[in-house]
Amino acid sequence: LSMMEQALRSGDPDRCREAVASLVDAGLGLDRIAGLYVPELARILGLRWCEDSLSFAEVTIGMSRLQRMLRELGPEFQADRTAGRDAPALLLIVPESEQHTLGAILLSGQLRRRGLSVRLWLGYRTADARQAIGSGSYDAVMISSARGQTLESLREVVNSLRTVASSALPVCVGGSFVESPDAGVDLGPSVHVTNEIDEALEFCGLTTRHAPTACGAPGG
């Protein structure tokens, strides 16, 4: 972790690749790096900012390099669809107002490693509903919502999906919103709030081939 943190904070972006290569040479699998090390590094960067030992700009650059690292780790972080045609399909959206996307990217990778077909839609606006739902035949929708997102704006996101999708289409809301006082408010039929992947998939009626190295939440 110390080596990877130094790589993220260095002026040389190639040091991140070198750090990952060193971990692989040491016997760590890419699933473990993505599922354990990347989330912990994101937490460390946030902690450094809270301690005032890193500036906002330095944290932003570090998070950007983490996201690039994820994309380079494997195809499950690069493509929207890497599973077979018969795989259950999910639409994972991050609302336009949400600036933190690393958690959703991590989640998409974990779900794809379970054998699911995932379309990741970043910067979702309510006006995107028809295009988003029409971009595939989805078995469920997951929304990554931050703690700071208002209940009203989240309802607008859910309602926009309901205007073009069946009312029976399961919708799961996750992310730091789950920790907010509004998390227990009813968001409508077939809507569930949770930060547990297994619980979310069970609510959606989806089965997967195996669990990822480390479980995460539907969101960051």
Protein backbone atom coordinates (compact mmCIF):
# COMPACT_ATOMS: atom_id res chain seq x y z
CA LEU A 1 0.00 0.00 0.00
CA SER A 2 2.83 2.38 0.83
CA MET A 3 4.50 1.69 -2.51
CA MET A 4 1.24 2.24 -4.42
CA GLU A 5 0.44 5.41 -2.49
CA GLN A 6 3.86 6.84 -3.36
CA ALA A 7 3.23 5.94 -7.00
CA LEU A 8 -0.13 7.73 -6.98
CA ARG A 9 1.45 10.85 -5.47
CA SER A 10 4.51 10.91 -7.72
CA GLY A 11 4.92 13.15 -10.73
CA ASP A 12 5.45 10.12 -12.98
CA PRO A 13 2.19 8.40 -14.04
CA ASP A 14 4.17 5.33 -15.19
CA ARG A 15 5.03 4.55 -11.57
CA CYS A 16 1.49 3.26 -11.05
CA ARG A 17 1.99 0.65 -13.76
CA GLU A 18 5.33 -0.29 -12.25
CA ALA A 19 3.74 -0.64 -8.79
CA VAL A 20 1.00 -2.93 -10.13
CA ALA A 21 3.60 -4.99 -12.00
CA SER A 22 5.57 -5.38 -8.75
CA LEU A 23 2.49 -6.62 -6.93
CA VAL A 24 1.71 -9.11 -9.69
CA ASP A 25 5.33 -10.33 -9.61
CA ALA A 26 4.91 -10.80 -5.85
CA GLY A 27 2.00 -13.17 -6.51
CA LEU A 28 -1.04 -10.92 -6.06
CA GLY A 29 -3.87 -11.47 -8.52
CA LEU A 30 -5.53 -8.61 -10.37
CA ASP A 31 -8.85 -9.37 -8.64
CA ARG A 32 -7.20 -8.87 -5.26
CA ILE A 33 -5.53 -5.64 -6.35
CA ALA A 34 -8.83 -4.26 -7.68
CA GLY A 35 -11.02 -5.59 -4.88
CA LEU A 36 -8.83 -4.81 -1.85
CA TYR A 37 -5.94 -2.49 -2.63
CA VAL A 38 -7.71 0.07 -4.81
CA PRO A 39 -10.57 0.73 -2.32
CA GLU A 40 -8.06 0.99 0.53
CA LEU A 41 -5.95 3.44 -1.44
CA ALA A 42 -9.03 5.57 -2.10
CA ARG A 43 -9.74 5.56 1.64
CA ILE A 44 -6.14 6.55 2.40
CA LEU A 45 -6.26 9.46 -0.05
CA GLY A 46 -9.44 10.70 1.60
CA LEU A 47 -7.84 10.36 5.02
CA ARG A 48 -4.78 12.33 3.90
CA TRP A 49 -7.07 15.15 2.75
CA CYS A 50 -8.95 15.14 6.07
CA GLU A 51 -5.58 15.32 7.85
CA ASP A 52 -4.65 18.23 5.58
CA SER A 53 -1.52 16.42 4.40
CA LEU A 54 -2.78 16.37 0.80
CA SER A 55 -4.44 19.17 -1.13
CA PHE A 56 -7.73 18.71 -2.95
CA ALA A 57 -5.86 18.87 -6.26
CA GLU A 58 -3.43 16.15 -5.15
CA VAL A 59 -6.30 13.90 -4.04
CA THR A 60 -8.11 14.51 -7.33
CA ILE A 61 -5.02 13.56 -9.33
CA GLY A 62 -4.53 10.46 -7.17
CA MET A 63 -8.13 9.35 -7.67
CA SER A 64 -7.83 9.92 -11.41
CA ARG A 65 -4.77 7.68 -11.48
CA LEU A 66 -6.63 5.03 -9.48
CA GLN A 67 -9.40 5.02 -12.08
CA ARG A 68 -6.86 4.72 -14.89
CA MET A 69 -5.22 1.88 -12.98
CA LEU A 70 -8.54 0.05 -12.81
CA ARG A 71 -9.11 0.40 -16.54
CA GLU A 72 -5.69 -1.10 -17.18
CA LEU A 73 -6.18 -4.04 -14.82
CA GLY A 74 -8.52 -5.97 -17.08
CA PRO A 75 -11.38 -5.96 -19.60
CA GLU A 76 -14.07 -5.98 -16.89
CA PHE A 77 -13.09 -2.38 -16.13
CA GLN A 78 -12.79 -1.31 -19.76
CA ALA A 79 -15.95 -2.47 -21.56
CA ASP A 80 -19.61 -2.12 -20.73
CA ARG A 81 -20.31 -5.69 -21.74
CA THR A 82 -17.81 -8.52 -21.29
CA ALA A 83 -20.20 -11.34 -20.37
CA GLY A 84 -22.01 -13.75 -22.68
CA ARG A 85 -25.28 -13.01 -24.42
CA ASP A 86 -27.31 -15.02 -21.93
CA ALA A 87 -25.82 -13.33 -18.87
CA PRO A 88 -28.12 -11.26 -16.61
CA ALA A 89 -27.85 -7.59 -17.58
CA LEU A 90 -27.61 -4.60 -15.23
CA LEU A 91 -27.70 -0.87 -15.81
CA LEU A 92 -25.48 0.86 -13.23
CA ILE A 93 -25.92 4.63 -13.19
CA VAL A 94 -24.17 7.49 -11.43
CA PRO A 95 -26.29 10.68 -11.36
CA GLU A 96 -24.91 13.84 -12.93
CA SER A 97 -24.61 15.55 -9.53
CA GLU A 98 -22.37 12.79 -8.17
CA GLN A 99 -18.66 13.58 -8.53
CA HIS A 100 -17.33 10.34 -7.04
CA THR A 101 -17.31 7.53 -9.61
CA LEU A 102 -14.56 5.22 -8.36
CA GLY A 103 -16.95 3.15 -6.24
CA ALA A 104 -19.28 2.55 -9.18
CA ILE A 105 -16.34 1.56 -11.38
CA LEU A 106 -15.16 -0.90 -8.73
CA LEU A 107 -18.68 -2.30 -8.40
CA SER A 108 -19.04 -2.76 -12.15
CA GLY A 109 -15.82 -4.78 -12.18
CA GLN A 110 -16.97 -6.96 -9.26
CA LEU A 111 -20.31 -7.63 -10.94
CA ARG A 112 -18.67 -8.48 -14.26
CA ARG A 113 -16.33 -10.93 -12.53
CA ARG A 114 -19.48 -12.62 -11.21
CA GLY A 115 -20.59 -13.17 -14.79
CA LEU A 116 -23.05 -10.28 -15.15
CA SER A 117 -23.31 -7.98 -18.14
CA VAL A 118 -23.03 -4.40 -16.84
CA ARG A 119 -23.62 -1.09 -18.60
CA LEU A 120 -22.03 1.72 -16.58
CA TRP A 121 -23.70 5.09 -17.21
CA LEU A 122 -21.78 7.99 -15.68
CA GLY A 123 -23.26 11.48 -15.41
CA TYR A 124 -26.86 10.27 -15.72
CA ARG A 125 -29.49 12.99 -16.18
CA THR A 126 -33.23 12.49 -15.94
CA ALA A 127 -33.42 13.42 -19.62
CA ASP A 128 -31.24 10.35 -20.37
CA ALA A 129 -33.86 7.89 -19.11
CA ARG A 130 -35.22 6.74 -22.47
CA GLN A 131 -31.77 6.42 -24.02
CA ALA A 132 -30.36 4.65 -20.95
CA ILE A 133 -33.16 2.09 -20.64
CA GLY A 134 -33.27 1.65 -24.40
CA SER A 135 -29.54 0.90 -24.59
CA GLY A 136 -30.15 -2.72 -23.59
CA SER A 137 -32.53 -5.29 -22.19
CA TYR A 138 -31.91 -4.97 -18.46
CA ASP A 139 -32.93 -7.23 -15.59
CA ALA A 140 -32.32 -4.53 -12.97
CA VAL A 141 -30.96 -1.04 -12.39
CA MET A 142 -28.49 0.03 -9.72
CA ILE A 143 -27.99 3.66 -8.70
CA SER A 144 -24.85 4.96 -7.01
CA SER A 145 -25.99 7.81 -4.79
CA ALA A 146 -23.90 9.98 -2.48
CA ARG A 147 -24.77 10.91 1.07
CA GLY A 148 -25.11 14.54 -0.02
CA GLN A 149 -27.68 13.83 -2.70
CA THR A 150 -31.09 15.15 -1.70
CA LEU A 151 -34.04 12.83 -1.39
CA GLU A 152 -35.90 14.95 -3.93
CA SER A 153 -33.18 14.60 -6.58
CA LEU A 154 -32.92 10.86 -5.97
CA ARG A 155 -36.69 10.51 -6.36
CA GLU A 156 -36.39 12.38 -9.67
CA VAL A 157 -33.79 9.86 -10.86
CA VAL A 158 -35.97 6.90 -9.86
CA ASN A 159 -39.12 8.44 -11.35
CA SER A 160 -37.35 9.21 -14.62
CA LEU A 161 -36.52 5.52 -14.97
CA ARG A 162 -40.08 4.54 -14.14
CA THR A 163 -41.43 6.71 -16.94
CA VAL A 164 -39.81 4.47 -19.55
CA ALA A 165 -39.29 1.14 -17.73
CA SER A 166 -41.69 -1.39 -16.31
CA SER A 167 -42.75 -0.72 -12.73
CA ALA A 168 -41.63 -4.27 -11.99
CA LEU A 169 -38.02 -3.57 -12.99
CA PRO A 170 -36.01 -3.84 -9.74
CA VAL A 171 -34.05 -0.73 -8.74
CA CYS A 172 -31.37 -0.82 -6.04
CA VAL A 173 -29.88 2.32 -4.52
CA GLY A 174 -26.45 2.15 -2.89
CA GLY A 175 -23.47 4.28 -2.02
CA SER A 176 -22.99 6.64 0.89
CA PHE A 177 -26.66 7.67 0.64
CA VAL A 178 -27.35 4.48 2.60
CA GLU A 179 -25.74 6.16 5.63
CA SER A 180 -27.99 9.24 5.44
CA PRO A 181 -31.14 9.79 7.55
CA ASP A 182 -33.23 9.55 4.36
CA ALA A 183 -32.10 6.01 3.60
CA GLY A 184 -35.18 4.51 5.24
CA VAL A 185 -37.65 6.58 3.23
CA ASP A 186 -39.81 4.68 0.75
CA LEU A 187 -38.66 5.48 -2.79
CA GLY A 188 -41.45 3.59 -4.49
CA PRO A 189 -42.37 0.04 -5.52
CA SER A 190 -39.59 -2.34 -6.51
CA VAL A 191 -36.94 0.01 -5.05
CA HIS A 192 -34.49 -1.25 -2.44
CA VAL A 193 -31.71 0.57 -0.57
CA THR A 194 -28.63 -1.43 0.40
CA ASN A 195 -24.84 -1.43 0.34
CA GLU A 196 -24.57 -5.23 0.22
CA ILE A 197 -24.01 -6.73 -3.24
CA ASP A 198 -25.51 -10.12 -2.35
CA GLU A 199 -28.58 -8.49 -0.85
CA ALA A 200 -29.02 -6.28 -3.91
CA LEU A 201 -28.70 -9.21 -6.31
CA GLU A 202 -31.12 -11.29 -4.27
CA PHE A 203 -33.66 -8.44 -4.34
CA CYS A 204 -33.24 -8.25 -8.12
CA GLY A 205 -33.69 -12.02 -8.43
CA LEU A 206 -30.29 -12.48 -10.06
CA THR A 207 -27.87 -15.34 -9.59
CA THR A 208 -24.16 -15.16 -10.31
CA ARG A 209 -21.45 -17.69 -10.88
CA HIS A 210 -19.18 -16.72 -7.97
CA ALA A 211 -18.43 -14.01 -5.45
CA PRO A 212 -15.68 -11.44 -6.08
CA THR A 213 -12.58 -11.22 -3.95
CA ALA A 214 -14.03 -8.44 -1.81
CA CYS A 215 -17.62 -7.31 -1.58
CA GLY A 216 -18.41 -3.68 -2.14
CA ALA A 217 -21.42 -1.43 -2.32
CA PRO A 218 -23.52 -0.29 -5.23
CA GLY A 219 -21.67 2.98 -5.35
CA GLY A 220 -18.81 4.91 -3.76
